Amino acid sequence: MRTLGLEAIYPKPHLSRPAPEHRIYPYLLRRLGIAGPDHVSCADITYIRLCRGFAYLVAVMDWFSALVLSWRLSNTLDAGFRVEALDEAL
């Protein structure tokens, strides 16, 4: 594998250690009892590397059932596709 320049994909050591100067925000859902579906939702935006740039993926999930309520994919990081995903989830 070294000859071909291949490397295994696994968590490298010390990658999850926060820098001492970074602020630590409180986890606001710690004591919240999630009673059922549509009680707590979350949204996340990530990018997917392509040959010629990036694609951006937004997903809205329900925390109780862990189901994806809606998602959108875009080649730009404008607000339009994020608002569409949120509207569909609601």
PDB file of N, CA and C in Angstrom:
ATOM      1  N   MET A   1       0.812  -1.182   0.000  1.00  0.00           N
ATOM      2  CA  MET A   1       0.000   0.000   0.000  1.00  0.00           C
ATOM      3  C   MET A   1       0.866   1.259   0.000  1.00  0.00           C
ATOM      4  N   ARG A   2       2.013   1.203   0.664  1.00  0.00           N
ATOM      5  CA  ARG A   2       2.892   2.379   0.687  1.00  0.00           C
ATOM      6  C   ARG A   2       3.430   2.689  -0.700  1.00  0.00           C
ATOM      7  N   THR A   3       3.727   1.645  -1.474  1.00  0.00           N
ATOM      8  CA  THR A   3       4.256   1.842  -2.811  1.00  0.00           C
ATOM      9  C   THR A   3       3.263   2.595  -3.684  1.00  0.00           C
ATOM     10  N   LEU A   4       1.978   2.295  -3.539  1.00  0.00           N
ATOM     11  CA  LEU A   4       0.942   2.941  -4.336  1.00  0.00           C
ATOM     12  C   LEU A   4       0.474   4.258  -3.732  1.00  0.00           C
ATOM     13  N   GLY A   5       0.934   4.560  -2.517  1.00  0.00           N
ATOM     14  CA  GLY A   5       0.525   5.797  -1.867  1.00  0.00           C
ATOM     15  C   GLY A   5      -0.870   5.726  -1.264  1.00  0.00           C
ATOM     16  N   LEU A   6      -1.334   4.518  -0.944  1.00  0.00           N
ATOM     17  CA  LEU A   6      -2.662   4.338  -0.351  1.00  0.00           C
ATOM     18  C   LEU A   6      -2.568   4.401   1.160  1.00  0.00           C
ATOM     19  N   GLU A   7      -3.622   4.894   1.779  1.00  0.00           N
ATOM     20  CA  GLU A   7      -3.652   5.020   3.229  1.00  0.00           C
ATOM     21  C   GLU A   7      -5.029   4.610   3.730  1.00  0.00           C
ATOM     22  N   ALA A   8      -5.081   3.881   4.828  1.00  0.00           N
ATOM     23  CA  ALA A   8      -6.354   3.477   5.414  1.00  0.00           C
ATOM     24  C   ALA A   8      -7.079   4.702   5.968  1.00  0.00           C
ATOM     25  N   ILE A   9      -8.409   4.654   5.900  1.00  0.00           N
ATOM     26  CA  ILE A   9      -9.212   5.751   6.420  1.00  0.00           C
ATOM     27  C   ILE A   9      -9.721   5.351   7.800  1.00  0.00           C
ATOM     28  N   TYR A  10      -9.257   6.030   8.806  1.00  0.00           N
ATOM     29  CA  TYR A  10      -9.661   5.795  10.189  1.00  0.00           C
ATOM     30  C   TYR A  10      -9.347   7.054  10.980  1.00  0.00           C
ATOM     31  N   PRO A  11      -9.971   7.221  12.133  1.00  0.00           N
ATOM     32  CA  PRO A  11      -9.689   8.422  12.923  1.00  0.00           C
ATOM     33  C   PRO A  11      -8.227   8.479  13.336  1.00  0.00           C
ATOM     34  N   LYS A  12      -7.591   9.565  13.042  1.00  0.00           N
ATOM     35  CA  LYS A  12      -6.195   9.757  13.425  1.00  0.00           C
ATOM     36  C   LYS A  12      -6.131  10.169  14.897  1.00  0.00           C
ATOM     37  N   PRO A  13      -5.010   9.967  15.566  1.00  0.00           N
ATOM     38  CA  PRO A  13      -4.924  10.318  16.983  1.00  0.00           C
ATOM     39  C   PRO A  13      -5.011  11.826  17.206  1.00  0.00           C
ATOM     40  N   HIS A  14      -5.668  12.196  18.275  1.00  0.00           N
ATOM     41  CA  HIS A  14      -5.742  13.582  18.763  1.00  0.00           C
ATOM     42  C   HIS A  14      -6.533  14.519  17.856  1.00  0.00           C
ATOM     43  N   LEU A  15      -7.387  13.996  16.985  1.00  0.00           N
ATOM     44  CA  LEU A  15      -8.151  14.883  16.113  1.00  0.00           C
ATOM     45  C   LEU A  15      -9.355  15.492  16.822  1.00  0.00           C
ATOM     46  N   SER A  16      -9.835  14.871  17.883  1.00  0.00           N
ATOM     47  CA  SER A  16     -11.028  15.393  18.545  1.00  0.00           C
ATOM     48  C   SER A  16     -10.698  16.231  19.774  1.00  0.00           C
ATOM     49  N   ARG A  17      -9.447  16.529  20.001  1.00  0.00           N
ATOM     50  CA  ARG A  17      -9.074  17.381  21.121  1.00  0.00           C
ATOM     51  C   ARG A  17      -9.295  18.846  20.746  1.00  0.00           C
ATOM     52  N   PRO A  18     -10.070  19.575  21.554  1.00  0.00           N
ATOM     53  CA  PRO A  18     -10.290  20.989  21.223  1.00  0.00           C
ATOM     54  C   PRO A  18      -9.060  21.831  21.531  1.00  0.00           C
ATOM     55  N   ALA A  19      -8.899  22.873  20.780  1.00  0.00           N
ATOM     56  CA  ALA A  19      -7.815  23.816  21.047  1.00  0.00           C
ATOM     57  C   ALA A  19      -8.148  24.583  22.324  1.00  0.00           C
ATOM     58  N   PRO A  20      -7.179  24.882  23.151  1.00  0.00           N
ATOM     59  CA  PRO A  20      -7.464  25.537  24.424  1.00  0.00           C
ATOM     60  C   PRO A  20      -8.106  26.918  24.275  1.00  0.00           C
ATOM     61  N   GLU A  21      -7.872  27.615  23.174  1.00  0.00           N
ATOM     62  CA  GLU A  21      -8.437  28.953  23.011  1.00  0.00           C
ATOM     63  C   GLU A  21      -9.859  28.942  22.450  1.00  0.00           C
ATOM     64  N   HIS A  22     -10.378  27.761  22.029  1.00  0.00           N
ATOM     65  CA  HIS A  22     -11.728  27.687  21.488  1.00  0.00           C
ATOM     66  C   HIS A  22     -12.761  27.640  22.603  1.00  0.00           C
ATOM     67  N   ARG A  23     -13.844  28.370  22.405  1.00  0.00           N
ATOM     68  CA  ARG A  23     -14.913  28.411  23.393  1.00  0.00           C
ATOM     69  C   ARG A  23     -15.723  27.115  23.337  1.00  0.00           C
ATOM     70  N   ILE A  24     -16.131  26.601  24.482  1.00  0.00           N
ATOM     71  CA  ILE A  24     -16.959  25.404  24.564  1.00  0.00           C
ATOM     72  C   ILE A  24     -18.388  25.856  24.847  1.00  0.00           C
ATOM     73  N   TYR A  25     -19.305  25.521  23.943  1.00  0.00           N
ATOM     74  CA  TYR A  25     -20.697  25.918  24.089  1.00  0.00           C
ATOM     75  C   TYR A  25     -21.467  24.840  24.851  1.00  0.00           C
ATOM     76  N   PRO A  26     -22.456  25.228  25.645  1.00  0.00           N
ATOM     77  CA  PRO A  26     -23.219  24.234  26.410  1.00  0.00           C
ATOM     78  C   PRO A  26     -24.138  23.421  25.499  1.00  0.00           C
ATOM     79  N   TYR A  27     -24.385  22.175  25.873  1.00  0.00           N
ATOM     80  CA  TYR A  27     -25.305  21.303  25.152  1.00  0.00           C
ATOM     81  C   TYR A  27     -26.706  21.570  25.697  1.00  0.00           C
ATOM     82  N   LEU A  28     -27.530  22.243  24.930  1.00  0.00           N
ATOM     83  CA  LEU A  28     -28.811  22.751  25.414  1.00  0.00           C
ATOM     84  C   LEU A  28     -29.890  21.677  25.532  1.00  0.00           C
ATOM     85  N   LEU A  29     -29.707  20.526  24.906  1.00  0.00           N
ATOM     86  CA  LEU A  29     -30.721  19.472  24.955  1.00  0.00           C
ATOM     87  C   LEU A  29     -30.423  18.411  26.014  1.00  0.00           C
ATOM     88  N   ARG A  30     -29.469  18.641  26.881  1.00  0.00           N
ATOM     89  CA  ARG A  30     -29.027  17.626  27.833  1.00  0.00           C
ATOM     90  C   ARG A  30     -30.166  17.127  28.724  1.00  0.00           C
ATOM     91  N   ARG A  31     -30.949  18.011  29.283  1.00  0.00           N
ATOM     92  CA  ARG A  31     -31.994  17.603  30.224  1.00  0.00           C
ATOM     93  C   ARG A  31     -33.388  17.608  29.610  1.00  0.00           C
ATOM     94  N   LEU A  32     -33.470  17.735  28.305  1.00  0.00           N
ATOM     95  CA  LEU A  32     -34.755  17.772  27.632  1.00  0.00           C
ATOM     96  C   LEU A  32     -35.197  16.352  27.305  1.00  0.00           C
ATOM     97  N   GLY A  33     -36.352  15.968  27.798  1.00  0.00           N
ATOM     98  CA  GLY A  33     -36.908  14.658  27.451  1.00  0.00           C
ATOM     99  C   GLY A  33     -37.642  14.755  26.128  1.00  0.00           C
ATOM    100  N   ILE A  34     -37.150  14.089  25.127  1.00  0.00           N
ATOM    101  CA  ILE A  34     -37.775  14.138  23.803  1.00  0.00           C
ATOM    102  C   ILE A  34     -38.942  13.155  23.825  1.00  0.00           C
ATOM    103  N   ALA A  35     -40.163  13.686  23.837  1.00  0.00           N
ATOM    104  CA  ALA A  35     -41.357  12.889  24.096  1.00  0.00           C
ATOM    105  C   ALA A  35     -41.879  12.144  22.872  1.00  0.00           C
ATOM    106  N   GLY A  36     -41.648  12.645  21.693  1.00  0.00           N
ATOM    107  CA  GLY A  36     -42.179  11.984  20.508  1.00  0.00           C
ATOM    108  C   GLY A  36     -41.718  12.657  19.237  1.00  0.00           C
ATOM    109  N   PRO A  37     -42.221  12.162  18.111  1.00  0.00           N
ATOM    110  CA  PRO A  37     -41.847  12.752  16.826  1.00  0.00           C
ATOM    111  C   PRO A  37     -42.255  14.220  16.748  1.00  0.00           C
ATOM    112  N   ASP A  38     -41.535  14.971  15.974  1.00  0.00           N
ATOM    113  CA  ASP A  38     -41.774  16.409  15.743  1.00  0.00           C
ATOM    114  C   ASP A  38     -41.602  17.254  17.002  1.00  0.00           C
ATOM    115  N   HIS A  39     -40.890  16.736  17.988  1.00  0.00           N
ATOM    116  CA  HIS A  39     -40.614  17.515  19.195  1.00  0.00           C
ATOM    117  C   HIS A  39     -39.299  18.279  19.047  1.00  0.00           C
ATOM    118  N   VAL A  40     -38.268  17.590  18.555  1.00  0.00           N
ATOM    119  CA  VAL A  40     -36.953  18.210  18.352  1.00  0.00           C
ATOM    120  C   VAL A  40     -36.448  17.823  16.963  1.00  0.00           C
ATOM    121  N   SER A  41     -36.038  18.817  16.204  1.00  0.00           N
ATOM    122  CA  SER A  41     -35.462  18.589  14.881  1.00  0.00           C
ATOM    123  C   SER A  41     -34.093  19.242  14.810  1.00  0.00           C
ATOM    124  N   CYS A  42     -33.294  18.800  13.864  1.00  0.00           N
ATOM    125  CA  CYS A  42     -31.976  19.403  13.662  1.00  0.00           C
ATOM    126  C   CYS A  42     -31.722  19.527  12.169  1.00  0.00           C
ATOM    127  N   ALA A  43     -30.814  20.405  11.816  1.00  0.00           N
ATOM    128  CA  ALA A  43     -30.417  20.591  10.421  1.00  0.00           C
ATOM    129  C   ALA A  43     -28.903  20.605  10.352  1.00  0.00           C
ATOM    130  N   ASP A  44     -28.375  20.105   9.260  1.00  0.00           N
ATOM    131  CA  ASP A  44     -26.932  20.077   9.075  1.00  0.00           C
ATOM    132  C   ASP A  44     -26.616  20.347   7.617  1.00  0.00           C
ATOM    133  N   ILE A  45     -25.531  21.064   7.388  1.00  0.00           N
ATOM    134  CA  ILE A  45     -25.058  21.342   6.035  1.00  0.00           C
ATOM    135  C   ILE A  45     -23.651  20.766   5.920  1.00  0.00           C
ATOM    136  N   THR A  46     -23.404  20.053   4.863  1.00  0.00           N
ATOM    137  CA  THR A  46     -22.075  19.513   4.618  1.00  0.00           C
ATOM    138  C   THR A  46     -21.754  19.663   3.133  1.00  0.00           C
ATOM    139  N   TYR A  47     -20.506  19.461   2.794  1.00  0.00           N
ATOM    140  CA  TYR A  47     -20.123  19.563   1.392  1.00  0.00           C
ATOM    141  C   TYR A  47     -19.596  18.228   0.911  1.00  0.00           C
ATOM    142  N   ILE A  48     -19.771  17.992  -0.363  1.00  0.00           N
ATOM    143  CA  ILE A  48     -19.296  16.781  -1.020  1.00  0.00           C
ATOM    144  C   ILE A  48     -18.306  17.224  -2.081  1.00  0.00           C
ATOM    145  N   ARG A  49     -17.079  16.749  -1.990  1.00  0.00           N
ATOM    146  CA  ARG A  49     -16.046  17.132  -2.953  1.00  0.00           C
ATOM    147  C   ARG A  49     -16.287  16.412  -4.278  1.00  0.00           C
ATOM    148  N   LEU A  50     -16.288  17.168  -5.354  1.00  0.00           N
ATOM    149  CA  LEU A  50     -16.441  16.634  -6.698  1.00  0.00           C
ATOM    150  C   LEU A  50     -15.183  16.944  -7.504  1.00  0.00           C
ATOM    151  N   CYS A  51     -15.108  16.432  -8.710  1.00  0.00           N
ATOM    152  CA  CYS A  51     -13.935  16.686  -9.550  1.00  0.00           C
ATOM    153  C   CYS A  51     -13.748  18.174  -9.825  1.00  0.00           C
ATOM    154  N   ARG A  52     -14.842  18.877 -10.027  1.00  0.00           N
ATOM    155  CA  ARG A  52     -14.775  20.311 -10.359  1.00  0.00           C
ATOM    156  C   ARG A  52     -15.529  21.147  -9.339  1.00  0.00           C
ATOM    157  N   GLY A  53     -15.124  21.090  -8.110  1.00  0.00           N
ATOM    158  CA  GLY A  53     -15.758  21.925  -7.095  1.00  0.00           C
ATOM    159  C   GLY A  53     -16.434  21.111  -6.012  1.00  0.00           C
ATOM    160  N   PHE A  54     -17.552  21.639  -5.501  1.00  0.00           N
ATOM    161  CA  PHE A  54     -18.244  21.026  -4.389  1.00  0.00           C
ATOM    162  C   PHE A  54     -19.740  21.003  -4.654  1.00  0.00           C
ATOM    163  N   ALA A  55     -20.422  20.068  -4.021  1.00  0.00           N
ATOM    164  CA  ALA A  55     -21.879  20.060  -3.937  1.00  0.00           C
ATOM    165  C   ALA A  55     -22.214  20.187  -2.459  1.00  0.00           C
ATOM    166  N   TYR A  56     -23.262  20.895  -2.155  1.00  0.00           N
ATOM    167  CA  TYR A  56     -23.635  21.151  -0.774  1.00  0.00           C
ATOM    168  C   TYR A  56     -24.933  20.423  -0.456  1.00  0.00           C
ATOM    169  N   LEU A  57     -24.945  19.715   0.661  1.00  0.00           N
ATOM    170  CA  LEU A  57     -26.088  18.913   1.075  1.00  0.00           C
ATOM    171  C   LEU A  57     -26.606  19.453   2.394  1.00  0.00           C
ATOM    172  N   VAL A  58     -27.903  19.733   2.452  1.00  0.00           N
ATOM    173  CA  VAL A  58     -28.551  20.116   3.701  1.00  0.00           C
ATOM    174  C   VAL A  58     -29.578  19.034   4.014  1.00  0.00           C
ATOM    175  N   ALA A  59     -29.624  18.613   5.273  1.00  0.00           N
ATOM    176  CA  ALA A  59     -30.578  17.602   5.721  1.00  0.00           C
ATOM    177  C   ALA A  59     -31.249  18.084   6.999  1.00  0.00           C
ATOM    178  N   VAL A  60     -32.559  17.854   7.098  1.00  0.00           N
ATOM    179  CA  VAL A  60     -33.321  18.160   8.302  1.00  0.00           C
ATOM    180  C   VAL A  60     -33.793  16.829   8.869  1.00  0.00           C
ATOM    181  N   MET A  61     -33.453  16.579  10.152  1.00  0.00           N
ATOM    182  CA  MET A  61     -33.761  15.292  10.784  1.00  0.00           C
ATOM    183  C   MET A  61     -34.627  15.468  12.020  1.00  0.00           C
ATOM    184  N   ASP A  62     -35.408  14.436  12.322  1.00  0.00           N
ATOM    185  CA  ASP A  62     -36.167  14.350  13.559  1.00  0.00           C
ATOM    186  C   ASP A  62     -35.335  13.554  14.560  1.00  0.00           C
ATOM    187  N   TRP A  63     -35.110  14.108  15.759  1.00  0.00           N
ATOM    188  CA  TRP A  63     -34.245  13.450  16.734  1.00  0.00           C
ATOM    189  C   TRP A  63     -34.876  12.229  17.368  1.00  0.00           C
ATOM    190  N   PHE A  64     -36.192  12.210  17.511  1.00  0.00           N
ATOM    191  CA  PHE A  64     -36.857  11.086  18.172  1.00  0.00           C
ATOM    192  C   PHE A  64     -36.754   9.820  17.334  1.00  0.00           C
ATOM    193  N   SER A  65     -37.089   9.928  16.054  1.00  0.00           N
ATOM    194  CA  SER A  65     -37.107   8.759  15.186  1.00  0.00           C
ATOM    195  C   SER A  65     -35.849   8.614  14.336  1.00  0.00           C
ATOM    196  N   ALA A  66     -34.987   9.632  14.321  1.00  0.00           N
ATOM    197  CA  ALA A  66     -33.761   9.655  13.516  1.00  0.00           C
ATOM    198  C   ALA A  66     -34.061   9.540  12.022  1.00  0.00           C
ATOM    199  N   LEU A  67     -35.226  10.015  11.611  1.00  0.00           N
ATOM    200  CA  LEU A  67     -35.590  10.010  10.200  1.00  0.00           C
ATOM    201  C   LEU A  67     -35.198  11.333   9.555  1.00  0.00           C
ATOM    202  N   VAL A  68     -34.790  11.258   8.314  1.00  0.00           N
ATOM    203  CA  VAL A  68     -34.509  12.472   7.544  1.00  0.00           C
ATOM    204  C   VAL A  68     -35.844  12.994   7.030  1.00  0.00           C
ATOM    205  N   LEU A  69     -36.224  14.176   7.477  1.00  0.00           N
ATOM    206  CA  LEU A  69     -37.503  14.766   7.084  1.00  0.00           C
ATOM    207  C   LEU A  69     -37.436  15.368   5.689  1.00  0.00           C
ATOM    208  N   SER A  70     -36.315  15.975   5.352  1.00  0.00           N
ATOM    209  CA  SER A  70     -36.116  16.511   4.007  1.00  0.00           C
ATOM    210  C   SER A  70     -34.626  16.741   3.782  1.00  0.00           C
ATOM    211  N   TRP A  71     -34.256  16.828   2.506  1.00  0.00           N
ATOM    212  CA  TRP A  71     -32.875  17.119   2.152  1.00  0.00           C
ATOM    213  C   TRP A  71     -32.853  17.795   0.787  1.00  0.00           C
ATOM    214  N   ARG A  72     -31.823  18.549   0.561  1.00  0.00           N
ATOM    215  CA  ARG A  72     -31.617  19.238  -0.713  1.00  0.00           C
ATOM    216  C   ARG A  72     -30.133  19.221  -1.046  1.00  0.00           C
ATOM    217  N   LEU A  73     -29.845  19.199  -2.328  1.00  0.00           N
ATOM    218  CA  LEU A  73     -28.476  19.222  -2.831  1.00  0.00           C
ATOM    219  C   LEU A  73     -28.358  20.395  -3.779  1.00  0.00           C
ATOM    220  N   SER A  74     -27.257  21.152  -3.653  1.00  0.00           N
ATOM    221  CA  SER A  74     -27.069  22.328  -4.498  1.00  0.00           C
ATOM    222  C   SER A  74     -25.595  22.474  -4.846  1.00  0.00           C
ATOM    223  N   ASN A  75     -25.322  23.163  -5.940  1.00  0.00           N
ATOM    224  CA  ASN A  75     -23.927  23.432  -6.303  1.00  0.00           C
ATOM    225  C   ASN A  75     -23.461  24.792  -5.797  1.00  0.00           C
ATOM    226  N   THR A  76     -24.364  25.563  -5.180  1.00  0.00           N
ATOM    227  CA  THR A  76     -23.988  26.828  -4.557  1.00  0.00           C
ATOM    228  C   THR A  76     -24.479  26.824  -3.108  1.00  0.00           C
ATOM    229  N   LEU A  77     -23.867  27.655  -2.311  1.00  0.00           N
ATOM    230  CA  LEU A  77     -24.212  27.701  -0.894  1.00  0.00           C
ATOM    231  C   LEU A  77     -25.116  28.897  -0.601  1.00  0.00           C
ATOM    232  N   ASP A  78     -26.131  29.077  -1.449  1.00  0.00           N
ATOM    233  CA  ASP A  78     -27.071  30.169  -1.212  1.00  0.00           C
ATOM    234  C   ASP A  78     -28.177  29.714  -0.261  1.00  0.00           C
ATOM    235  N   ALA A  79     -28.991  30.642   0.189  1.00  0.00           N
ATOM    236  CA  ALA A  79     -30.012  30.335   1.194  1.00  0.00           C
ATOM    237  C   ALA A  79     -31.232  29.633   0.604  1.00  0.00           C
ATOM    238  N   GLY A  80     -31.437  29.716  -0.687  1.00  0.00           N
ATOM    239  CA  GLY A  80     -32.648  29.186  -1.302  1.00  0.00           C
ATOM    240  C   GLY A  80     -32.876  27.709  -1.065  1.00  0.00           C
ATOM    241  N   PHE A  81     -31.882  26.885  -1.284  1.00  0.00           N
ATOM    242  CA  PHE A  81     -32.085  25.449  -1.127  1.00  0.00           C
ATOM    243  C   PHE A  81     -32.216  25.061   0.337  1.00  0.00           C
ATOM    244  N   ARG A  82     -31.631  25.835   1.238  1.00  0.00           N
ATOM    245  CA  ARG A  82     -31.775  25.559   2.670  1.00  0.00           C
ATOM    246  C   ARG A  82     -33.190  25.878   3.139  1.00  0.00           C
ATOM    247  N   VAL A  83     -33.741  26.976   2.655  1.00  0.00           N
ATOM    248  CA  VAL A  83     -35.104  27.354   3.028  1.00  0.00           C
ATOM    249  C   VAL A  83     -36.107  26.347   2.464  1.00  0.00           C
ATOM    250  N   GLU A  84     -35.885  25.865   1.246  1.00  0.00           N
ATOM    251  CA  GLU A  84     -36.762  24.850   0.656  1.00  0.00           C
ATOM    252  C   GLU A  84     -36.769  23.575   1.487  1.00  0.00           C
ATOM    253  N   ALA A  85     -35.606  23.139   1.942  1.00  0.00           N
ATOM    254  CA  ALA A  85     -35.528  21.929   2.776  1.00  0.00           C
ATOM    255  C   ALA A  85     -36.262  22.136   4.089  1.00  0.00           C
ATOM    256  N   LEU A  86     -36.116  23.295   4.707  1.00  0.00           N
ATOM    257  CA  LEU A  86     -36.800  23.573   5.958  1.00  0.00           C
ATOM    258  C   LEU A  86     -38.313  23.660   5.757  1.00  0.00           C
ATOM    259  N   ASP A  87     -38.756  24.313   4.699  1.00  0.00           N
ATOM    260  CA  ASP A  87     -40.190  24.395   4.406  1.00  0.00           C
ATOM    261  C   ASP A  87     -40.797  23.005   4.193  1.00  0.00           C
ATOM    262  N   GLU A  88     -40.099  22.153   3.462  1.00  0.00           N
ATOM    263  CA  GLU A  88     -40.609  20.807   3.220  1.00  0.00           C
ATOM    264  C   GLU A  88     -40.676  20.006   4.518  1.00  0.00           C
ATOM    265  N   ALA A  89     -39.691  20.185   5.396  1.00  0.00           N
ATOM    266  CA  ALA A  89     -39.687  19.450   6.653  1.00  0.00           C
ATOM    267  C   ALA A  89     -40.827  19.890   7.574  1.00  0.00           C
ATOM    268  N   LEU A  90     -41.134  21.188   7.544  1.00  0.00           N
ATOM    269  CA  LEU A  90     -42.218  21.691   8.396  1.00  0.00           C
ATOM    270  C   LEU A  90     -43.564  21.292   7.848  1.00  0.00           C
TER     271      LEU A  90
END
